[in-house]
ModelCIF file with pLDDT and N, C-alpha, C, O atoms, coordinates in Angstrom:
data_MODEL
#
_entry.id   MODEL 
#
_entity.id                         1 
_entity.type                       polymer 
_entity.pdbx_number_of_molecules   1 
#
_entity_poly.entity_id                      1 
_entity_poly.type                           'polypeptide(L)' 
_entity_poly.nstd_linkage                   no 
_entity_poly.nstd_monomer                   no 
_entity_poly.pdbx_seq_one_letter_code       RSEPKRIVFAEGEDPAVIRAANSYVSQGFGTAVL 
_entity_poly.pdbx_seq_one_letter_code_can   RSEPKRIVFAEGEDPAVIRAANSYVSQGFGTAVL 
_entity_poly.pdbx_strand_id                 A 
#
loop_
_entity_poly_seq.entity_id 
_entity_poly_seq.num 
_entity_poly_seq.mon_id 
_entity_poly_seq.hetero 
1 1  ARG n 
1 2  SER n 
1 3  GLU n 
1 4  PRO n 
1 5  LYS n 
1 6  ARG n 
1 7  ILE n 
1 8  VAL n 
1 9  PHE n 
1 10 ALA n 
1 11 GLU n 
1 12 GLY n 
1 13 GLU n 
1 14 ASP n 
1 15 PRO n 
1 16 ALA n 
1 17 VAL n 
1 18 ILE n 
1 19 ARG n 
1 20 ALA n 
1 21 ALA n 
1 22 ASN n 
1 23 SER n 
1 24 TYR n 
1 25 VAL n 
1 26 SER n 
1 27 GLN n 
1 28 GLY n 
1 29 PHE n 
1 30 GLY n 
1 31 THR n 
1 32 ALA n 
1 33 VAL n 
1 34 LEU n 
#
_struct_asym.id          A 
_struct_asym.entity_id   1 
#
loop_
_ma_qa_metric.id 
_ma_qa_metric.mode 
_ma_qa_metric.name 
_ma_qa_metric.software_group_id 
_ma_qa_metric.type 
1 global pLDDT . pLDDT 
2 local  pLDDT . pLDDT 
#
_ma_qa_metric_global.metric_id      1 
_ma_qa_metric_global.metric_value   91.68 
_ma_qa_metric_global.model_id       1 
_ma_qa_metric_global.ordinal_id     1 
#
loop_
_ma_qa_metric_local.label_asym_id 
_ma_qa_metric_local.label_comp_id 
_ma_qa_metric_local.label_seq_id 
_ma_qa_metric_local.metric_id 
_ma_qa_metric_local.metric_value 
_ma_qa_metric_local.model_id 
_ma_qa_metric_local.ordinal_id 
A ARG 1  2 85.00 1 1  
A SER 2  2 83.00 1 2  
A GLU 3  2 88.00 1 3  
A PRO 4  2 92.00 1 4  
A LYS 5  2 94.00 1 5  
A ARG 6  2 95.00 1 6  
A ILE 7  2 96.00 1 7  
A VAL 8  2 97.00 1 8  
A PHE 9  2 97.00 1 9  
A ALA 10 2 96.00 1 10 
A GLU 11 2 95.00 1 11 
A GLY 12 2 94.00 1 12 
A GLU 13 2 94.00 1 13 
A ASP 14 2 93.00 1 14 
A PRO 15 2 91.00 1 15 
A ALA 16 2 89.00 1 16 
A VAL 17 2 93.00 1 17 
A ILE 18 2 93.00 1 18 
A ARG 19 2 88.00 1 19 
A ALA 20 2 90.00 1 20 
A ALA 21 2 93.00 1 21 
A ASN 22 2 90.00 1 22 
A SER 23 2 86.00 1 23 
A TYR 24 2 91.00 1 24 
A VAL 25 2 91.00 1 25 
A SER 26 2 86.00 1 26 
A GLN 27 2 83.00 1 27 
A GLY 28 2 87.00 1 28 
A PHE 29 2 92.00 1 29 
A GLY 30 2 93.00 1 30 
A THR 31 2 95.00 1 31 
A ALA 32 2 95.00 1 32 
A VAL 33 2 96.00 1 33 
A LEU 34 2 96.00 1 34 
#
loop_
_atom_site.group_PDB 
_atom_site.id 
_atom_site.type_symbol 
_atom_site.label_atom_id 
_atom_site.label_alt_id 
_atom_site.label_comp_id 
_atom_site.label_asym_id 
_atom_site.label_entity_id 
_atom_site.label_seq_id 
_atom_site.pdbx_PDB_ins_code 
_atom_site.Cartn_x 
_atom_site.Cartn_y 
_atom_site.Cartn_z 
_atom_site.occupancy 
_atom_site.B_iso_or_equiv 
_atom_site.pdbx_formal_charge 
_atom_site.auth_seq_id 
_atom_site.auth_comp_id 
_atom_site.auth_asym_id 
_atom_site.auth_atom_id 
_atom_site.pdbx_PDB_model_num 
ATOM 1   N N  . ARG A 1 1  ? 1.907  -6.670  -14.850 1.00 85.00 ? 1  ARG A N  1 
ATOM 2   C CA . ARG A 1 1  ? 0.654  -7.233  -15.255 1.00 85.00 ? 1  ARG A CA 1 
ATOM 3   C C  . ARG A 1 1  ? 0.493  -7.794  -16.698 1.00 85.00 ? 1  ARG A C  1 
ATOM 4   O O  . ARG A 1 1  ? -0.470 -8.476  -17.048 1.00 85.00 ? 1  ARG A O  1 
ATOM 5   N N  . SER A 1 2  ? 1.619  -7.410  -17.566 1.00 83.00 ? 2  SER A N  1 
ATOM 6   C CA . SER A 1 2  ? 1.681  -7.969  -18.825 1.00 83.00 ? 2  SER A CA 1 
ATOM 7   C C  . SER A 1 2  ? 2.811  -9.113  -18.713 1.00 83.00 ? 2  SER A C  1 
ATOM 8   O O  . SER A 1 2  ? 2.730  -10.068 -19.486 1.00 83.00 ? 2  SER A O  1 
ATOM 9   N N  . GLU A 1 3  ? 3.761  -9.056  -17.865 1.00 88.00 ? 3  GLU A N  1 
ATOM 10  C CA . GLU A 1 3  ? 4.605  -10.048 -17.822 1.00 88.00 ? 3  GLU A CA 1 
ATOM 11  C C  . GLU A 1 3  ? 4.749  -10.475 -16.387 1.00 88.00 ? 3  GLU A C  1 
ATOM 12  O O  . GLU A 1 3  ? 5.722  -10.055 -15.761 1.00 88.00 ? 3  GLU A O  1 
ATOM 13  N N  . PRO A 1 4  ? 3.786  -11.353 -15.744 1.00 92.00 ? 4  PRO A N  1 
ATOM 14  C CA . PRO A 1 4  ? 3.833  -11.681 -14.272 1.00 92.00 ? 4  PRO A CA 1 
ATOM 15  C C  . PRO A 1 4  ? 5.044  -12.610 -13.960 1.00 92.00 ? 4  PRO A C  1 
ATOM 16  O O  . PRO A 1 4  ? 5.658  -13.325 -14.752 1.00 92.00 ? 4  PRO A O  1 
ATOM 17  N N  . LYS A 1 5  ? 5.231  -12.449 -12.718 1.00 94.00 ? 5  LYS A N  1 
ATOM 18  C CA . LYS A 1 5  ? 6.519  -13.034 -12.224 1.00 94.00 ? 5  LYS A CA 1 
ATOM 19  C C  . LYS A 1 5  ? 6.213  -13.876 -10.974 1.00 94.00 ? 5  LYS A C  1 
ATOM 20  O O  . LYS A 1 5  ? 5.252  -13.560 -10.272 1.00 94.00 ? 5  LYS A O  1 
ATOM 21  N N  . ARG A 1 6  ? 7.014  -14.975 -10.648 1.00 95.00 ? 6  ARG A N  1 
ATOM 22  C CA . ARG A 1 6  ? 6.990  -15.629 -9.274  1.00 95.00 ? 6  ARG A CA 1 
ATOM 23  C C  . ARG A 1 6  ? 7.868  -15.175 -8.379  1.00 95.00 ? 6  ARG A C  1 
ATOM 24  O O  . ARG A 1 6  ? 9.085  -15.280 -8.529  1.00 95.00 ? 6  ARG A O  1 
ATOM 25  N N  . ILE A 1 7  ? 7.224  -14.557 -7.236  1.00 96.00 ? 7  ILE A N  1 
ATOM 26  C CA . ILE A 1 7  ? 8.062  -14.040 -6.193  1.00 96.00 ? 7  ILE A CA 1 
ATOM 27  C C  . ILE A 1 7  ? 7.893  -14.922 -4.897  1.00 96.00 ? 7  ILE A C  1 
ATOM 28  O O  . ILE A 1 7  ? 6.806  -15.391 -4.560  1.00 96.00 ? 7  ILE A O  1 
ATOM 29  N N  . VAL A 1 8  ? 8.994  -15.092 -4.245  1.00 97.00 ? 8  VAL A N  1 
ATOM 30  C CA . VAL A 1 8  ? 9.094  -15.820 -3.105  1.00 97.00 ? 8  VAL A CA 1 
ATOM 31  C C  . VAL A 1 8  ? 8.857  -14.758 -1.834  1.00 97.00 ? 8  VAL A C  1 
ATOM 32  O O  . VAL A 1 8  ? 9.532  -13.732 -1.738  1.00 97.00 ? 8  VAL A O  1 
ATOM 33  N N  . PHE A 1 9  ? 8.041  -15.045 -1.077  1.00 97.00 ? 9  PHE A N  1 
ATOM 34  C CA . PHE A 1 9  ? 7.834  -14.265 0.228   1.00 97.00 ? 9  PHE A CA 1 
ATOM 35  C C  . PHE A 1 9  ? 8.254  -15.179 1.251   1.00 97.00 ? 9  PHE A C  1 
ATOM 36  O O  . PHE A 1 9  ? 7.531  -16.133 1.536   1.00 97.00 ? 9  PHE A O  1 
ATOM 37  N N  . ALA A 1 10 ? 9.590  -14.946 1.961   1.00 96.00 ? 10 ALA A N  1 
ATOM 38  C CA . ALA A 1 10 ? 10.245 -15.803 2.751   1.00 96.00 ? 10 ALA A CA 1 
ATOM 39  C C  . ALA A 1 10 ? 9.573  -15.989 4.006   1.00 96.00 ? 10 ALA A C  1 
ATOM 40  O O  . ALA A 1 10 ? 9.664  -17.081 4.566   1.00 96.00 ? 10 ALA A O  1 
ATOM 41  N N  . GLU A 1 11 ? 8.737  -14.809 4.645   1.00 95.00 ? 11 GLU A N  1 
ATOM 42  C CA . GLU A 1 11 ? 8.241  -15.098 5.910   1.00 95.00 ? 11 GLU A CA 1 
ATOM 43  C C  . GLU A 1 11 ? 6.703  -15.332 5.515   1.00 95.00 ? 11 GLU A C  1 
ATOM 44  O O  . GLU A 1 11 ? 5.906  -14.398 5.597   1.00 95.00 ? 11 GLU A O  1 
ATOM 45  N N  . GLY A 1 12 ? 6.336  -16.534 5.110   1.00 94.00 ? 12 GLY A N  1 
ATOM 46  C CA . GLY A 1 12 ? 4.972  -16.614 4.492   1.00 94.00 ? 12 GLY A CA 1 
ATOM 47  C C  . GLY A 1 12 ? 4.029  -16.885 5.623   1.00 94.00 ? 12 GLY A C  1 
ATOM 48  O O  . GLY A 1 12 ? 2.840  -16.978 5.317   1.00 94.00 ? 12 GLY A O  1 
ATOM 49  N N  . GLU A 1 13 ? 4.368  -17.029 6.900   1.00 94.00 ? 13 GLU A N  1 
ATOM 50  C CA . GLU A 1 13 ? 3.400  -17.035 7.915   1.00 94.00 ? 13 GLU A CA 1 
ATOM 51  C C  . GLU A 1 13 ? 3.093  -15.839 8.643   1.00 94.00 ? 13 GLU A C  1 
ATOM 52  O O  . GLU A 1 13 ? 2.268  -15.864 9.556   1.00 94.00 ? 13 GLU A O  1 
ATOM 53  N N  . ASP A 1 14 ? 3.792  -14.624 8.255   1.00 93.00 ? 14 ASP A N  1 
ATOM 54  C CA . ASP A 1 14 ? 3.365  -13.503 8.843   1.00 93.00 ? 14 ASP A CA 1 
ATOM 55  C C  . ASP A 1 14 ? 2.362  -12.765 8.347   1.00 93.00 ? 14 ASP A C  1 
ATOM 56  O O  . ASP A 1 14 ? 2.369  -12.583 7.129   1.00 93.00 ? 14 ASP A O  1 
ATOM 57  N N  . PRO A 1 15 ? 1.320  -12.198 9.122   1.00 91.00 ? 15 PRO A N  1 
ATOM 58  C CA . PRO A 1 15 ? 0.079  -11.797 8.609   1.00 91.00 ? 15 PRO A CA 1 
ATOM 59  C C  . PRO A 1 15 ? 0.246  -10.573 7.673   1.00 91.00 ? 15 PRO A C  1 
ATOM 60  O O  . PRO A 1 15 ? -0.459 -10.507 6.666   1.00 91.00 ? 15 PRO A O  1 
ATOM 61  N N  . ALA A 1 16 ? 1.198  -9.544  7.975   1.00 89.00 ? 16 ALA A N  1 
ATOM 62  C CA . ALA A 1 16 ? 1.530  -8.507  6.922   1.00 89.00 ? 16 ALA A CA 1 
ATOM 63  C C  . ALA A 1 16 ? 2.044  -9.104  5.540   1.00 89.00 ? 16 ALA A C  1 
ATOM 64  O O  . ALA A 1 16 ? 1.689  -8.599  4.475   1.00 89.00 ? 16 ALA A O  1 
ATOM 65  N N  . VAL A 1 17 ? 2.878  -10.179 5.601   1.00 93.00 ? 17 VAL A N  1 
ATOM 66  C CA . VAL A 1 17 ? 3.467  -10.661 4.340   1.00 93.00 ? 17 VAL A CA 1 
ATOM 67  C C  . VAL A 1 17 ? 2.277  -11.278 3.695   1.00 93.00 ? 17 VAL A C  1 
ATOM 68  O O  . VAL A 1 17 ? 2.179  -11.165 2.473   1.00 93.00 ? 17 VAL A O  1 
ATOM 69  N N  . ILE A 1 18 ? 1.296  -11.962 4.407   1.00 93.00 ? 18 ILE A N  1 
ATOM 70  C CA . ILE A 1 18 ? 0.292  -12.743 3.650   1.00 93.00 ? 18 ILE A CA 1 
ATOM 71  C C  . ILE A 1 18 ? -0.603 -11.628 2.876   1.00 93.00 ? 18 ILE A C  1 
ATOM 72  O O  . ILE A 1 18 ? -1.086 -11.807 1.758   1.00 93.00 ? 18 ILE A O  1 
ATOM 73  N N  . ARG A 1 19 ? -0.738 -10.494 3.624   1.00 88.00 ? 19 ARG A N  1 
ATOM 74  C CA . ARG A 1 19 ? -1.713 -9.427  2.999   1.00 88.00 ? 19 ARG A CA 1 
ATOM 75  C C  . ARG A 1 19 ? -0.899 -8.784  1.795   1.00 88.00 ? 19 ARG A C  1 
ATOM 76  O O  . ARG A 1 19 ? -1.544 -8.464  0.796   1.00 88.00 ? 19 ARG A O  1 
ATOM 77  N N  . ALA A 1 20 ? 0.338  -8.595  1.818   1.00 90.00 ? 20 ALA A N  1 
ATOM 78  C CA . ALA A 1 20 ? 1.140  -8.079  0.884   1.00 90.00 ? 20 ALA A CA 1 
ATOM 79  C C  . ALA A 1 20 ? 1.164  -9.166  -0.379  1.00 90.00 ? 20 ALA A C  1 
ATOM 80  O O  . ALA A 1 20 ? 1.120  -8.724  -1.528  1.00 90.00 ? 20 ALA A O  1 
ATOM 81  N N  . ALA A 1 21 ? 1.226  -10.408 -0.168  1.00 93.00 ? 21 ALA A N  1 
ATOM 82  C CA . ALA A 1 21 ? 1.223  -11.526 -1.106  1.00 93.00 ? 21 ALA A CA 1 
ATOM 83  C C  . ALA A 1 21 ? -0.108 -11.389 -1.784  1.00 93.00 ? 21 ALA A C  1 
ATOM 84  O O  . ALA A 1 21 ? -0.170 -11.359 -3.013  1.00 93.00 ? 21 ALA A O  1 
ATOM 85  N N  . ASN A 1 22 ? -1.216 -11.302 -0.998  1.00 90.00 ? 22 ASN A N  1 
ATOM 86  C CA . ASN A 1 22 ? -2.650 -11.230 -1.411  1.00 90.00 ? 22 ASN A CA 1 
ATOM 87  C C  . ASN A 1 22 ? -2.568 -10.116 -2.555  1.00 90.00 ? 22 ASN A C  1 
ATOM 88  O O  . ASN A 1 22 ? -2.869 -10.377 -3.720  1.00 90.00 ? 22 ASN A O  1 
ATOM 89  N N  . SER A 1 23 ? -2.141 -8.864  -2.139  1.00 86.00 ? 23 SER A N  1 
ATOM 90  C CA . SER A 1 23 ? -2.191 -7.691  -3.013  1.00 86.00 ? 23 SER A CA 1 
ATOM 91  C C  . SER A 1 23 ? -1.380 -7.956  -4.227  1.00 86.00 ? 23 SER A C  1 
ATOM 92  O O  . SER A 1 23 ? -1.795 -7.560  -5.317  1.00 86.00 ? 23 SER A O  1 
ATOM 93  N N  . TYR A 1 24 ? -0.251 -8.598  -4.125  1.00 91.00 ? 24 TYR A N  1 
ATOM 94  C CA . TYR A 1 24 ? 0.633  -8.851  -5.212  1.00 91.00 ? 24 TYR A CA 1 
ATOM 95  C C  . TYR A 1 24 ? -0.313 -9.830  -6.260  1.00 91.00 ? 24 TYR A C  1 
ATOM 96  O O  . TYR A 1 24 ? -0.331 -9.595  -7.468  1.00 91.00 ? 24 TYR A O  1 
ATOM 97  N N  . VAL A 1 25 ? -0.994 -10.809 -5.732  1.00 91.00 ? 25 VAL A N  1 
ATOM 98  C CA . VAL A 1 25 ? -1.786 -11.698 -6.573  1.00 91.00 ? 25 VAL A CA 1 
ATOM 99  C C  . VAL A 1 25 ? -2.863 -10.945 -7.178  1.00 91.00 ? 25 VAL A C  1 
ATOM 100 O O  . VAL A 1 25 ? -3.088 -11.039 -8.384  1.00 91.00 ? 25 VAL A O  1 
ATOM 101 N N  . SER A 1 26 ? -3.631 -10.103 -6.307  1.00 86.00 ? 26 SER A N  1 
ATOM 102 C CA . SER A 1 26 ? -4.930 -9.495  -6.713  1.00 86.00 ? 26 SER A CA 1 
ATOM 103 C C  . SER A 1 26 ? -4.507 -8.367  -7.811  1.00 86.00 ? 26 SER A C  1 
ATOM 104 O O  . SER A 1 26 ? -5.331 -8.023  -8.658  1.00 86.00 ? 26 SER A O  1 
ATOM 105 N N  . GLN A 1 27 ? -3.506 -7.932  -7.783  1.00 83.00 ? 27 GLN A N  1 
ATOM 106 C CA . GLN A 1 27 ? -3.196 -6.786  -8.806  1.00 83.00 ? 27 GLN A CA 1 
ATOM 107 C C  . GLN A 1 27 ? -2.701 -7.417  -10.072 1.00 83.00 ? 27 GLN A C  1 
ATOM 108 O O  . GLN A 1 27 ? -2.324 -6.702  -11.000 1.00 83.00 ? 27 GLN A O  1 
ATOM 109 N N  . GLY A 1 28 ? -2.687 -8.734  -10.152 1.00 87.00 ? 28 GLY A N  1 
ATOM 110 C CA . GLY A 1 28 ? -2.132 -9.440  -11.328 1.00 87.00 ? 28 GLY A CA 1 
ATOM 111 C C  . GLY A 1 28 ? -0.691 -9.467  -11.629 1.00 87.00 ? 28 GLY A C  1 
ATOM 112 O O  . GLY A 1 28 ? -0.250 -9.653  -12.763 1.00 87.00 ? 28 GLY A O  1 
ATOM 113 N N  . PHE A 1 29 ? 0.049  -9.269  -10.550 1.00 92.00 ? 29 PHE A N  1 
ATOM 114 C CA . PHE A 1 29 ? 1.495  -9.162  -10.793 1.00 92.00 ? 29 PHE A CA 1 
ATOM 115 C C  . PHE A 1 29 ? 2.272  -10.579 -10.925 1.00 92.00 ? 29 PHE A C  1 
ATOM 116 O O  . PHE A 1 29 ? 3.428  -10.790 -11.291 1.00 92.00 ? 29 PHE A O  1 
ATOM 117 N N  . GLY A 1 30 ? 1.375  -11.380 -10.555 1.00 93.00 ? 30 GLY A N  1 
ATOM 118 C CA . GLY A 1 30 ? 2.142  -12.910 -10.692 1.00 93.00 ? 30 GLY A CA 1 
ATOM 119 C C  . GLY A 1 30 ? 1.716  -14.015 -9.508  1.00 93.00 ? 30 GLY A C  1 
ATOM 120 O O  . GLY A 1 30 ? 0.690  -13.928 -8.834  1.00 93.00 ? 30 GLY A O  1 
ATOM 121 N N  . THR A 1 31 ? 2.537  -14.880 -9.419  1.00 95.00 ? 31 THR A N  1 
ATOM 122 C CA . THR A 1 31 ? 2.305  -15.939 -8.460  1.00 95.00 ? 31 THR A CA 1 
ATOM 123 C C  . THR A 1 31 ? 3.118  -15.578 -7.056  1.00 95.00 ? 31 THR A C  1 
ATOM 124 O O  . THR A 1 31 ? 4.300  -15.240 -7.124  1.00 95.00 ? 31 THR A O  1 
ATOM 125 N N  . ALA A 1 32 ? 2.534  -15.652 -5.974  1.00 95.00 ? 32 ALA A N  1 
ATOM 126 C CA . ALA A 1 32 ? 3.054  -15.537 -4.726  1.00 95.00 ? 32 ALA A CA 1 
ATOM 127 C C  . ALA A 1 32 ? 3.446  -16.750 -4.202  1.00 95.00 ? 32 ALA A C  1 
ATOM 128 O O  . ALA A 1 32 ? 2.539  -17.550 -3.974  1.00 95.00 ? 32 ALA A O  1 
ATOM 129 N N  . VAL A 1 33 ? 4.784  -17.138 -3.910  1.00 96.00 ? 33 VAL A N  1 
ATOM 130 C CA . VAL A 1 33 ? 5.336  -18.400 -3.395  1.00 96.00 ? 33 VAL A CA 1 
ATOM 131 C C  . VAL A 1 33 ? 5.470  -18.018 -1.781  1.00 96.00 ? 33 VAL A C  1 
ATOM 132 O O  . VAL A 1 33 ? 6.238  -17.118 -1.441  1.00 96.00 ? 33 VAL A O  1 
ATOM 133 N N  . LEU A 1 34 ? 4.796  -18.646 -0.948  1.00 96.00 ? 34 LEU A N  1 
ATOM 134 C CA . LEU A 1 34 ? 4.896  -18.481 0.411   1.00 96.00 ? 34 LEU A CA 1 
ATOM 135 C C  . LEU A 1 34 ? 5.652  -19.539 1.148   1.00 96.00 ? 34 LEU A C  1 
ATOM 136 O O  . LEU A 1 34 ? 5.787  -19.463 2.370   1.00 96.00 ? 34 LEU A O  1 
#
């Protein structure tokens, strides 16, 4: 949260991955690249 990072989610079309990416962003961890 203090040092956000850009993370690539390789399987960006998968619903579980999208929900995880949303949690990653919502918790302030950084940018989700799908």
